[in-house]
Amino acid sequence: MSPAAPAPDPAVPDPAAPRFRVRPPAHWINDPNGPFRWRGRHHLFYQYNPDAPVHANVHWGHVSSPDLVRWEHHPIALAPTPGGPDEAGCWSGCVVDDGGVPTAVYTGVDHAHTGLGTICLARAADPADDRLLSWRPRPAPVVPGPPPGLGVVMFRDPFVFRHAGRRWALVGAGHADGTPSVLLYGCDELTDWRFAGVLLDGHDPVAAAVFGDKADGWECPQLFGTSGGDHVLVVSLWDGTPRSTGYLTGRLEADGQGGLGFLARTGGRLDHGRDFYAPAVRQDSDRALMWGWSWEARDDAAVLAAGWAGTLTAPRVVDARPDGALRVVPAPELELLRASRPFVTRPDRAVPLPPAYDLTVTARGAATVTLLRAADRTLTVRLDPDAGTVVLDRSGWPRAGAAGSAPVTVRVPPAPRLSVRLLADGSLLELFVADRATVTERVYARPDDVPELTVEGDAEVSGWEQVPPRRG
């Protein structure tokens, strides 16, 4: 059972709660699931406990939007079925268009599971409904468990995609010998899945060099095509608990046995922060969009007192450069949240920062941006174009968890100018570095802290408060 959470006072909003990111009004959220476009609306689902701010009793929450910024909450899409394959939780998956019927492909777990899920389906009850308010689960799983003979001890998180005229699915896995992998299935018919081999595992030399050997499972595999014709494989690194996320850029190739292999050529860390995990990708005809889960980085007592836990990030447009390195920028639709006039255009004076803001700083030399201060500490972003470094130093605001609170350094190619963009919303800070990297962190301001912008050094600055968009 979920522990009882004290009811927060609705008259006193939690200043740590993001206002413009997808999160339920209360209780628990984790992985984003099934970003999907249907009848002109953007749909997004997420792992959700409707009873308490803890990971238990997982359902699929559901929101939709006409523009990626005005989100409407809908009734729960998927709920555990007593006695069914998902009786203990409807875990992560995706949503696809199956012959004109939106279909959720997800992980079901029962009360006896030990990390091994089943692959389940649920279909939209009324495909003509642009809000997709009702879903009908299939009573039996389409894949009852992992393939035999491979020693699979972790099996979950299906991701369905099309390639070379066929439909395929990735499933995250881990093996008894500690090897992580992504398994591949053919599923031209969603009710008839065929195991097609291991797409990639931790013994791949590029994957081993990029990810190391600490993960024993790869969760939430995602795949997207790039503007240059490559593919990017995204995985979340699991070693008994969530760790971090990584990406590999390469090519899908036929393996000669009716399946596919992934030929990786480079890769890296997907997000350099400590509070980002389990991203989900939507492939459009002209771009790929990504959302991630940002967990809480405060202690359990504070989470229970607040009555909510977790948020999704802002949507990001992701691509790969010709050398395979990541390209990532905020979705342009986020500019709809900007106030009509910027609150700062010059770096020559201290400026109070609003609770949610969109800030761009371009440095021509070494520069220090201060975002939060107290009597004996400051939260800063230091830019050095000549060295090609950006350092986020939030060490004065310790975060809970084993990952600690040390400064985070992001390295990019040196250049005459170096730009960063910061999206801040409550406790959620998303730092975009030179369109090449992101840092996602949770920072909880204390009552006596002063949110104030100062910029020291040779830099240009512009910033907008984020406000509810005007209805149009």
Protein backbone atom coordinates (compact mmCIF):
# COMPACT_ATOMS: atom_id res chain seq x y z
CA MET A 1 0.00 0.00 0.00
CA SER A 2 1.08 3.57 -0.59
CA PRO A 3 1.90 5.52 2.58
CA ALA A 4 -0.62 8.15 3.50
CA ALA A 5 0.48 11.64 2.57
CA PRO A 6 -0.62 14.69 4.54
CA ALA A 7 -2.82 16.94 2.46
CA PRO A 8 -0.96 20.13 1.50
CA ASP A 9 -2.75 23.43 1.95
CA PRO A 10 -4.09 24.39 -1.53
CA ALA A 11 -4.11 28.03 -0.46
CA VAL A 12 -0.30 27.96 -0.12
CA PRO A 13 1.21 26.90 -3.47
CA ASP A 14 4.50 25.03 -3.26
CA PRO A 15 7.09 27.38 -4.78
CA ALA A 16 9.07 24.31 -5.87
CA ALA A 17 6.23 23.08 -8.10
CA PRO A 18 6.69 23.76 -11.83
CA ARG A 19 3.73 25.62 -13.32
CA PHE A 20 4.34 25.11 -17.05
CA ARG A 21 5.68 21.55 -17.27
CA VAL A 22 3.56 18.42 -17.46
CA ARG A 23 2.82 17.00 -14.02
CA PRO A 24 -0.37 15.86 -12.30
CA PRO A 25 -1.97 18.21 -9.78
CA ALA A 26 -0.83 15.91 -6.94
CA HIS A 27 0.90 12.63 -6.12
CA TRP A 28 3.46 10.74 -8.21
CA ILE A 29 4.74 10.97 -11.78
CA ASN A 30 7.69 9.23 -13.37
CA ASP A 31 8.46 8.16 -16.96
CA PRO A 32 6.85 10.00 -19.87
CA ASN A 33 5.11 7.50 -22.16
CA GLY A 34 3.69 7.49 -25.65
CA PRO A 35 4.11 11.04 -26.98
CA PHE A 36 1.69 10.96 -29.89
CA ARG A 37 0.01 13.31 -32.36
CA TRP A 38 -3.65 12.63 -33.12
CA ARG A 39 -6.21 14.74 -34.95
CA GLY A 40 -4.21 17.92 -34.45
CA ARG A 41 -3.53 17.43 -30.74
CA HIS A 42 -0.34 16.51 -28.94
CA HIS A 43 -0.88 13.64 -26.49
CA LEU A 44 1.45 12.70 -23.69
CA PHE A 45 1.06 9.90 -21.15
CA TYR A 46 3.06 9.26 -17.99
CA GLN A 47 3.59 6.84 -15.14
CA TYR A 48 1.25 7.93 -12.37
CA ASN A 49 0.28 6.90 -8.85
CA PRO A 50 -3.07 8.60 -8.17
CA ASP A 51 -2.93 7.88 -4.43
CA ALA A 52 0.38 9.15 -3.02
CA PRO A 53 3.70 10.75 -4.00
CA VAL A 54 5.56 7.41 -4.09
CA HIS A 55 6.33 4.84 -6.78
CA ALA A 56 3.51 2.31 -6.40
CA ASN A 57 0.16 1.42 -7.98
CA VAL A 58 1.30 2.72 -11.36
CA HIS A 59 -1.32 3.89 -13.88
CA TRP A 60 -0.98 5.90 -17.08
CA GLY A 61 -1.86 9.55 -16.63
CA HIS A 62 -2.82 11.49 -19.75
CA VAL A 63 -2.68 15.07 -21.01
CA SER A 64 -3.12 16.67 -24.41
CA SER A 65 -2.40 20.06 -25.93
CA PRO A 66 -3.02 22.01 -29.12
CA ASP A 67 0.41 23.65 -28.99
CA LEU A 68 2.80 21.88 -26.54
CA VAL A 69 2.32 24.57 -23.87
CA ARG A 70 -1.40 24.57 -22.92
CA TRP A 71 -1.93 21.11 -21.44
CA GLU A 72 -5.33 19.69 -20.55
CA HIS A 73 -5.54 16.90 -17.98
CA HIS A 74 -7.66 13.90 -18.95
CA PRO A 75 -9.00 10.89 -17.05
CA ILE A 76 -6.55 8.08 -16.33
CA ALA A 77 -5.85 6.21 -19.58
CA LEU A 78 -4.64 2.86 -18.22
CA ALA A 79 -5.24 1.30 -14.82
CA PRO A 80 -4.16 -2.06 -13.39
CA THR A 81 -6.70 -4.81 -14.07
CA PRO A 82 -7.36 -7.07 -11.06
CA GLY A 83 -6.21 -10.56 -11.98
CA GLY A 84 -4.81 -9.29 -15.31
CA PRO A 85 -1.26 -9.19 -16.66
CA ASP A 86 -0.94 -5.59 -15.42
CA GLU A 87 -2.53 -6.14 -12.00
CA ALA A 88 0.52 -4.68 -10.21
CA GLY A 89 1.12 -1.81 -12.60
CA CYS A 90 0.90 -0.43 -16.11
CA TRP A 91 4.55 0.35 -16.71
CA SER A 92 6.25 2.19 -19.55
CA GLY A 93 5.66 1.86 -23.26
CA CYS A 94 4.58 3.83 -26.32
CA VAL A 95 1.52 4.74 -28.41
CA VAL A 96 1.25 4.06 -32.15
CA ASP A 97 -1.29 4.43 -34.92
CA ASP A 98 -2.37 0.87 -35.75
CA GLY A 99 -4.51 1.09 -38.88
CA GLY A 100 -6.24 4.26 -37.74
CA VAL A 101 -6.62 3.17 -34.11
CA PRO A 102 -4.35 4.72 -31.47
CA THR A 103 -2.85 1.79 -29.58
CA ALA A 104 -0.85 1.78 -26.37
CA VAL A 105 1.92 -0.82 -26.23
CA TYR A 106 3.04 -1.09 -22.64
CA THR A 107 4.62 -3.18 -19.91
CA GLY A 108 2.29 -5.08 -17.62
CA VAL A 109 3.56 -6.45 -14.32
CA ASP A 110 1.77 -8.82 -11.97
CA HIS A 111 2.26 -9.29 -8.24
CA ALA A 112 4.80 -12.09 -8.79
CA HIS A 113 7.08 -10.19 -11.16
CA THR A 114 10.78 -9.96 -10.38
CA GLY A 115 11.69 -7.42 -13.05
CA LEU A 116 10.21 -9.38 -15.93
CA GLY A 117 7.21 -7.70 -17.51
CA THR A 118 4.79 -8.72 -20.22
CA ILE A 119 3.97 -6.71 -23.35
CA CYS A 120 0.33 -5.57 -23.34
CA LEU A 121 -1.95 -3.61 -25.65
CA ALA A 122 -4.79 -1.15 -25.10
CA ARG A 123 -6.72 0.54 -27.89
CA ALA A 124 -8.54 3.84 -28.01
CA ALA A 125 -12.25 3.19 -27.59
CA ASP A 126 -13.19 6.01 -29.97
CA PRO A 127 -10.52 6.93 -32.55
CA ALA A 128 -12.72 9.84 -33.69
CA ASP A 129 -12.26 11.50 -30.28
CA ASP A 130 -9.38 13.95 -30.59
CA ARG A 131 -8.84 13.80 -26.82
CA LEU A 132 -8.75 9.97 -26.66
CA LEU A 133 -10.55 9.88 -23.34
CA SER A 134 -11.28 6.14 -23.17
CA TRP A 135 -9.02 3.10 -23.63
CA ARG A 136 -9.74 -0.64 -23.77
CA PRO A 137 -6.97 -3.01 -22.67
CA ARG A 138 -6.54 -6.36 -24.36
CA PRO A 139 -7.08 -9.08 -21.69
CA ALA A 140 -4.01 -11.16 -22.58
CA PRO A 141 -0.46 -9.97 -23.26
CA VAL A 142 0.97 -10.19 -26.77
CA VAL A 143 4.37 -11.17 -25.35
CA PRO A 144 4.13 -13.14 -22.08
CA GLY A 145 7.80 -12.75 -21.18
CA PRO A 146 11.36 -12.65 -22.47
CA PRO A 147 12.72 -15.07 -25.05
CA PRO A 148 14.11 -18.30 -23.56
CA GLY A 149 17.76 -19.20 -23.46
CA LEU A 150 19.24 -15.73 -22.99
CA GLY A 151 19.18 -15.49 -19.20
CA VAL A 152 17.04 -12.35 -19.30
CA VAL A 153 16.30 -11.04 -15.78
CA MET A 154 14.98 -7.56 -16.74
CA PHE A 155 12.43 -7.16 -19.54
CA ARG A 156 10.29 -4.05 -20.06
CA ASP A 157 9.54 -0.79 -21.88
CA PRO A 158 8.52 -1.59 -25.49
CA PHE A 159 9.18 1.01 -28.18
CA VAL A 160 7.58 0.46 -31.61
CA PHE A 161 8.99 1.99 -34.80
CA ARG A 162 8.99 1.49 -38.56
CA HIS A 163 12.04 0.82 -40.70
CA ALA A 164 12.44 -0.36 -44.29
CA GLY A 165 8.73 -0.92 -44.73
CA ARG A 166 8.29 -3.05 -41.62
CA ARG A 167 7.24 -2.55 -38.02
CA TRP A 168 9.66 -3.41 -35.24
CA ALA A 169 9.84 -3.05 -31.48
CA LEU A 170 12.67 -2.55 -29.01
CA VAL A 171 12.48 -3.90 -25.46
CA GLY A 172 14.86 -2.97 -22.66
CA ALA A 173 16.65 -5.89 -21.04
CA GLY A 174 19.31 -7.07 -18.64
CA HIS A 175 20.87 -10.53 -18.42
CA ALA A 176 21.87 -12.73 -15.50
CA ASP A 177 25.57 -12.22 -16.22
CA GLY A 178 25.17 -8.44 -15.81
CA THR A 179 25.06 -7.57 -19.52
CA PRO A 180 22.55 -4.88 -20.54
CA SER A 181 20.88 -5.12 -23.93
CA VAL A 182 18.13 -3.96 -26.24
CA LEU A 183 16.06 -6.80 -27.68
CA LEU A 184 14.40 -6.62 -31.09
CA TYR A 185 11.01 -7.95 -32.16
CA GLY A 186 9.18 -7.93 -35.47
CA CYS A 187 5.56 -6.88 -35.01
CA ASP A 188 3.99 -6.08 -38.38
CA GLU A 189 0.79 -7.19 -36.65
CA LEU A 190 0.70 -5.82 -33.12
CA THR A 191 -0.98 -9.00 -31.91
CA ASP A 192 1.75 -11.23 -33.38
CA TRP A 193 5.31 -10.57 -32.19
CA ARG A 194 8.41 -12.47 -33.37
CA PHE A 195 11.71 -12.32 -31.49
CA ALA A 196 14.34 -11.10 -33.97
CA GLY A 197 17.47 -11.14 -31.82
CA VAL A 198 19.56 -8.75 -29.76
CA LEU A 199 19.80 -5.34 -31.42
CA LEU A 200 22.76 -4.25 -29.27
CA ASP A 201 24.28 -5.16 -25.93
CA GLY A 202 26.87 -3.91 -23.49
CA HIS A 203 29.67 -5.88 -25.16
CA ASP A 204 29.54 -3.58 -28.20
CA PRO A 205 32.87 -1.69 -28.11
CA VAL A 206 31.35 1.73 -28.79
CA ALA A 207 28.61 1.22 -26.17
CA ALA A 208 31.18 -0.03 -23.63
CA ALA A 209 33.41 2.98 -24.24
CA VAL A 210 30.52 5.45 -23.95
CA PHE A 211 28.50 3.92 -21.10
CA GLY A 212 31.12 1.99 -19.12
CA ASP A 213 30.29 -1.25 -17.36
CA LYS A 214 28.26 -0.12 -14.36
CA ALA A 215 24.75 -0.66 -15.80
CA ASP A 216 23.30 -4.18 -15.77
CA GLY A 217 20.14 -3.20 -17.64
CA TRP A 218 19.13 -0.75 -20.36
CA GLU A 219 15.66 0.65 -19.71
CA CYS A 220 13.29 2.66 -21.87
CA PRO A 221 15.02 2.23 -25.25
CA GLN A 222 14.05 4.87 -27.79
CA LEU A 223 15.11 5.37 -31.39
CA PHE A 224 14.88 8.36 -33.71
CA GLY A 225 16.08 9.22 -37.19
CA THR A 226 18.28 12.24 -37.78
CA SER A 227 18.33 14.87 -40.50
CA GLY A 228 21.55 13.33 -41.82
CA GLY A 229 20.19 9.82 -42.21
CA ASP A 230 21.63 8.30 -39.03
CA HIS A 231 19.68 6.82 -36.15
CA VAL A 232 20.12 7.64 -32.49
CA LEU A 233 19.51 4.95 -29.89
CA VAL A 234 18.67 6.28 -26.42
CA VAL A 235 18.82 4.11 -23.28
CA SER A 236 18.43 4.68 -19.57
CA LEU A 237 21.16 3.03 -17.51
CA TRP A 238 19.91 0.82 -14.67
CA ASP A 239 22.02 -0.89 -12.01
CA GLY A 240 19.27 -1.80 -9.55
CA THR A 241 18.28 1.84 -9.35
CA PRO A 242 18.05 4.50 -12.08
CA ARG A 243 21.44 6.05 -12.87
CA SER A 244 21.67 8.21 -15.98
CA THR A 245 20.86 8.31 -19.67
CA GLY A 246 23.00 7.90 -22.76
CA TYR A 247 22.79 7.91 -26.54
CA LEU A 248 24.53 6.17 -29.43
CA THR A 249 24.56 7.48 -32.99
CA GLY A 250 24.84 4.95 -35.77
CA ARG A 251 23.00 3.02 -38.45
CA LEU A 252 20.34 0.34 -38.53
CA GLU A 253 21.46 -2.49 -40.78
CA ALA A 254 19.93 -5.81 -41.82
CA ASP A 255 21.63 -8.65 -39.94
CA GLY A 256 21.17 -11.24 -42.68
CA GLN A 257 18.86 -13.34 -40.52
CA GLY A 258 15.63 -11.41 -40.93
CA GLY A 259 16.42 -8.94 -38.19
CA LEU A 260 18.34 -5.71 -37.64
CA GLY A 261 21.55 -4.69 -35.98
CA PHE A 262 22.65 -1.29 -34.75
CA LEU A 263 26.12 -0.21 -35.89
CA ALA A 264 27.14 2.45 -33.37
CA ARG A 265 29.90 4.90 -34.22
CA THR A 266 29.82 7.40 -31.36
CA GLY A 267 27.70 8.49 -28.41
CA GLY A 268 27.66 10.27 -25.11
CA ARG A 269 25.70 11.28 -22.08
CA LEU A 270 22.19 12.37 -23.04
CA ASP A 271 21.81 14.85 -20.17
CA HIS A 272 24.67 15.95 -17.95
CA GLY A 273 22.50 16.70 -14.92
CA ARG A 274 21.57 14.38 -12.07
CA ASP A 275 17.80 14.74 -12.26
CA PHE A 276 16.86 13.44 -15.71
CA TYR A 277 15.82 9.89 -16.65
CA ALA A 278 13.67 7.66 -18.87
CA PRO A 279 13.09 10.03 -21.80
CA ALA A 280 10.44 9.35 -24.44
CA VAL A 281 10.74 10.37 -28.09
CA ARG A 282 8.19 11.27 -30.75
CA GLN A 283 9.39 11.04 -34.33
CA ASP A 284 7.71 13.57 -36.61
CA SER A 285 8.31 13.94 -40.34
CA ASP A 286 10.55 16.96 -39.80
CA ARG A 287 11.90 16.59 -36.26
CA ALA A 288 12.10 14.42 -33.15
CA LEU A 289 10.71 15.64 -29.83
CA MET A 290 11.87 14.37 -26.45
CA TRP A 291 10.54 14.64 -22.90
CA GLY A 292 12.27 13.32 -19.78
CA TRP A 293 11.34 12.63 -16.18
CA SER A 294 12.92 14.82 -13.51
CA TRP A 295 12.66 13.16 -10.12
CA GLU A 296 12.70 14.82 -6.73
CA ALA A 297 16.06 15.63 -5.16
CA ARG A 298 14.75 16.45 -1.69
CA ASP A 299 14.21 14.05 1.20
CA ASP A 300 11.19 11.79 1.52
CA ALA A 301 9.68 13.80 4.39
CA ALA A 302 9.65 16.95 2.25
CA VAL A 303 8.09 15.05 -0.66
CA LEU A 304 5.31 13.61 1.51
CA ALA A 305 4.64 17.02 3.05
CA ALA A 306 4.41 18.60 -0.42
CA GLY A 307 2.02 15.88 -1.64
CA TRP A 308 3.59 15.61 -5.10
CA ALA A 309 6.70 14.10 -6.66
CA GLY A 310 8.27 14.48 -10.06
CA THR A 311 7.74 16.47 -13.21
CA LEU A 312 8.37 16.10 -16.89
CA THR A 313 10.85 18.36 -18.62
CA ALA A 314 10.12 20.85 -21.34
CA PRO A 315 9.93 19.28 -24.81
CA ARG A 316 13.28 19.21 -26.60
CA VAL A 317 14.04 18.96 -30.30
CA VAL A 318 16.80 16.39 -30.71
CA ASP A 319 18.98 15.60 -33.71
CA ALA A 320 22.58 14.56 -34.44
CA ARG A 321 25.36 16.56 -36.04
CA PRO A 322 27.41 15.17 -38.94
CA ASP A 323 30.01 13.86 -36.47
CA GLY A 324 27.27 12.03 -34.54
CA ALA A 325 27.26 14.39 -31.56
CA LEU A 326 23.91 15.41 -30.14
CA ARG A 327 22.05 18.52 -31.18
CA VAL A 328 19.37 19.57 -28.69
CA VAL A 329 17.32 22.76 -28.35
CA PRO A 330 14.07 23.68 -26.59
CA ALA A 331 10.98 23.16 -28.74
CA PRO A 332 10.22 26.52 -30.43
CA GLU A 333 6.63 26.34 -29.20
CA LEU A 334 7.94 27.18 -25.70
CA GLU A 335 8.32 30.79 -26.83
CA LEU A 336 4.51 30.99 -26.56
CA LEU A 337 5.10 31.12 -22.79
CA ARG A 338 7.17 34.29 -22.99
CA ALA A 339 5.71 37.48 -21.60
CA SER A 340 5.07 40.25 -24.11
CA ARG A 341 8.25 42.07 -23.08
CA PRO A 342 11.59 40.81 -21.74
CA PHE A 343 12.42 41.53 -18.12
CA VAL A 344 16.12 41.92 -18.92
CA THR A 345 18.03 42.98 -22.04
CA ARG A 346 21.28 44.33 -20.54
CA PRO A 347 23.77 42.76 -18.14
CA ASP A 348 24.72 45.95 -16.30
CA ARG A 349 22.52 45.64 -13.21
CA ALA A 350 21.02 43.09 -10.84
CA VAL A 351 17.49 42.05 -11.83
CA PRO A 352 14.96 40.08 -9.73
CA LEU A 353 14.12 36.73 -11.30
CA PRO A 354 10.49 35.59 -11.62
CA PRO A 355 9.42 32.08 -10.51
CA ALA A 356 9.56 30.83 -14.12
CA TYR A 357 11.76 32.30 -16.82
CA ASP A 358 13.46 31.74 -20.18
CA LEU A 359 16.95 33.25 -20.20
CA THR A 360 19.64 33.36 -22.89
CA VAL A 361 23.23 34.45 -22.20
CA THR A 362 25.91 34.73 -24.89
CA ALA A 363 29.47 35.21 -23.66
CA ARG A 364 32.33 36.62 -25.74
CA GLY A 365 34.78 36.01 -22.91
CA ALA A 366 34.72 34.46 -19.46
CA ALA A 367 31.43 35.31 -17.75
CA THR A 368 29.62 34.36 -14.56
CA VAL A 369 25.84 34.32 -14.32
CA THR A 370 24.35 34.31 -10.81
CA LEU A 371 20.77 33.05 -10.46
CA LEU A 372 20.23 32.62 -6.72
CA ARG A 373 22.00 34.00 -3.68
CA ALA A 374 22.02 33.77 0.07
CA ALA A 375 24.20 35.34 2.73
CA ASP A 376 27.04 32.85 2.23
CA ARG A 377 26.44 31.16 -1.14
CA THR A 378 25.48 31.72 -4.77
CA LEU A 379 24.13 29.53 -7.56
CA THR A 380 26.10 30.28 -10.70
CA VAL A 381 26.67 29.34 -14.33
CA ARG A 382 30.20 30.08 -15.54
CA LEU A 383 30.89 30.33 -19.28
CA ASP A 384 34.34 30.27 -20.90
CA PRO A 385 34.22 30.36 -24.73
CA ASP A 386 38.01 30.01 -25.10
CA ALA A 387 38.10 26.86 -22.98
CA GLY A 388 34.76 25.59 -24.29
CA THR A 389 33.34 25.00 -20.81
CA VAL A 390 30.12 25.73 -18.97
CA VAL A 391 30.01 25.04 -15.24
CA LEU A 392 26.79 24.89 -13.23
CA ASP A 393 27.65 25.32 -9.55
CA ARG A 394 24.70 24.62 -7.25
CA SER A 395 26.83 23.12 -4.46
CA GLY A 396 25.42 25.64 -1.96
CA TRP A 397 22.01 24.03 -2.42
CA PRO A 398 22.66 20.34 -1.65
CA ARG A 399 20.43 17.76 -3.27
CA ALA A 400 19.37 14.47 -1.72
CA GLY A 401 20.73 11.30 -3.28
CA ALA A 402 24.00 9.49 -3.86
CA ALA A 403 24.90 11.57 -6.93
CA GLY A 404 25.75 14.55 -4.72
CA SER A 405 25.78 18.26 -5.52
CA ALA A 406 29.22 18.96 -6.95
CA PRO A 407 29.55 21.45 -9.82
CA VAL A 408 28.65 20.05 -13.26
CA THR A 409 31.03 20.84 -16.14
CA VAL A 410 29.94 20.57 -19.78
CA ARG A 411 32.62 20.71 -22.48
CA VAL A 412 31.94 21.94 -26.02
CA PRO A 413 34.28 22.99 -28.84
CA PRO A 414 36.00 26.31 -28.09
CA ALA A 415 34.58 29.24 -30.08
CA PRO A 416 34.59 33.06 -30.04
CA ARG A 417 31.09 33.04 -28.53
CA LEU A 418 29.32 30.60 -26.23
CA SER A 419 25.57 30.68 -25.64
CA VAL A 420 23.42 29.01 -23.03
CA ARG A 421 19.68 29.04 -22.57
CA LEU A 422 18.07 28.41 -19.19
CA LEU A 423 14.49 27.34 -18.63
CA ALA A 424 13.60 27.63 -14.96
CA ASP A 425 10.21 26.69 -13.54
CA GLY A 426 9.90 26.33 -9.78
CA SER A 427 12.56 23.85 -8.69
CA LEU A 428 13.22 22.58 -12.24
CA LEU A 429 16.28 24.03 -13.96
CA GLU A 430 17.06 23.04 -17.57
CA LEU A 431 20.30 24.37 -19.01
CA PHE A 432 20.90 24.11 -22.78
CA VAL A 433 24.56 24.52 -23.72
CA ALA A 434 25.49 25.70 -27.24
CA ASP A 435 22.69 23.55 -28.75
CA ARG A 436 24.89 20.53 -27.90
CA ALA A 437 24.11 19.43 -24.37
CA THR A 438 21.66 19.79 -21.51
CA VAL A 439 21.89 19.82 -17.74
CA THR A 440 18.71 19.06 -15.79
CA GLU A 441 18.79 19.68 -12.03
CA ARG A 442 16.31 20.27 -9.24
CA VAL A 443 17.14 23.24 -7.00
CA TYR A 444 14.94 24.03 -4.01
CA ALA A 445 15.18 27.64 -2.94
CA ARG A 446 14.86 28.37 0.76
CA PRO A 447 12.60 31.09 2.17
CA ASP A 448 15.45 33.57 2.71
CA ASP A 449 17.14 32.98 -0.67
CA VAL A 450 17.10 35.80 -3.21
CA PRO A 451 16.38 34.87 -6.86
CA GLU A 452 18.32 37.59 -8.63
CA LEU A 453 20.18 37.75 -11.94
CA THR A 454 23.63 39.26 -12.18
CA VAL A 455 26.02 38.85 -15.11
CA GLU A 456 29.74 39.53 -14.73
CA GLY A 457 32.02 39.57 -17.78
CA ASP A 458 31.66 40.20 -21.48
CA ALA A 459 28.18 38.87 -22.26
CA GLU A 460 24.82 39.64 -23.79
CA VAL A 461 21.62 38.66 -22.00
CA SER A 462 17.91 38.51 -22.70
CA GLY A 463 15.21 37.01 -20.53
CA TRP A 464 11.46 36.59 -20.44
CA GLU A 465 9.17 35.63 -17.64
CA GLN A 466 7.13 32.53 -18.47
CA VAL A 467 3.43 33.26 -18.19
CA PRO A 468 0.22 31.51 -19.26
CA PRO A 469 -0.08 31.95 -23.02
CA ARG A 470 -2.77 34.09 -24.45
CA ARG A 471 -5.62 32.06 -25.87
CA GLY A 472 -5.73 32.18 -29.61
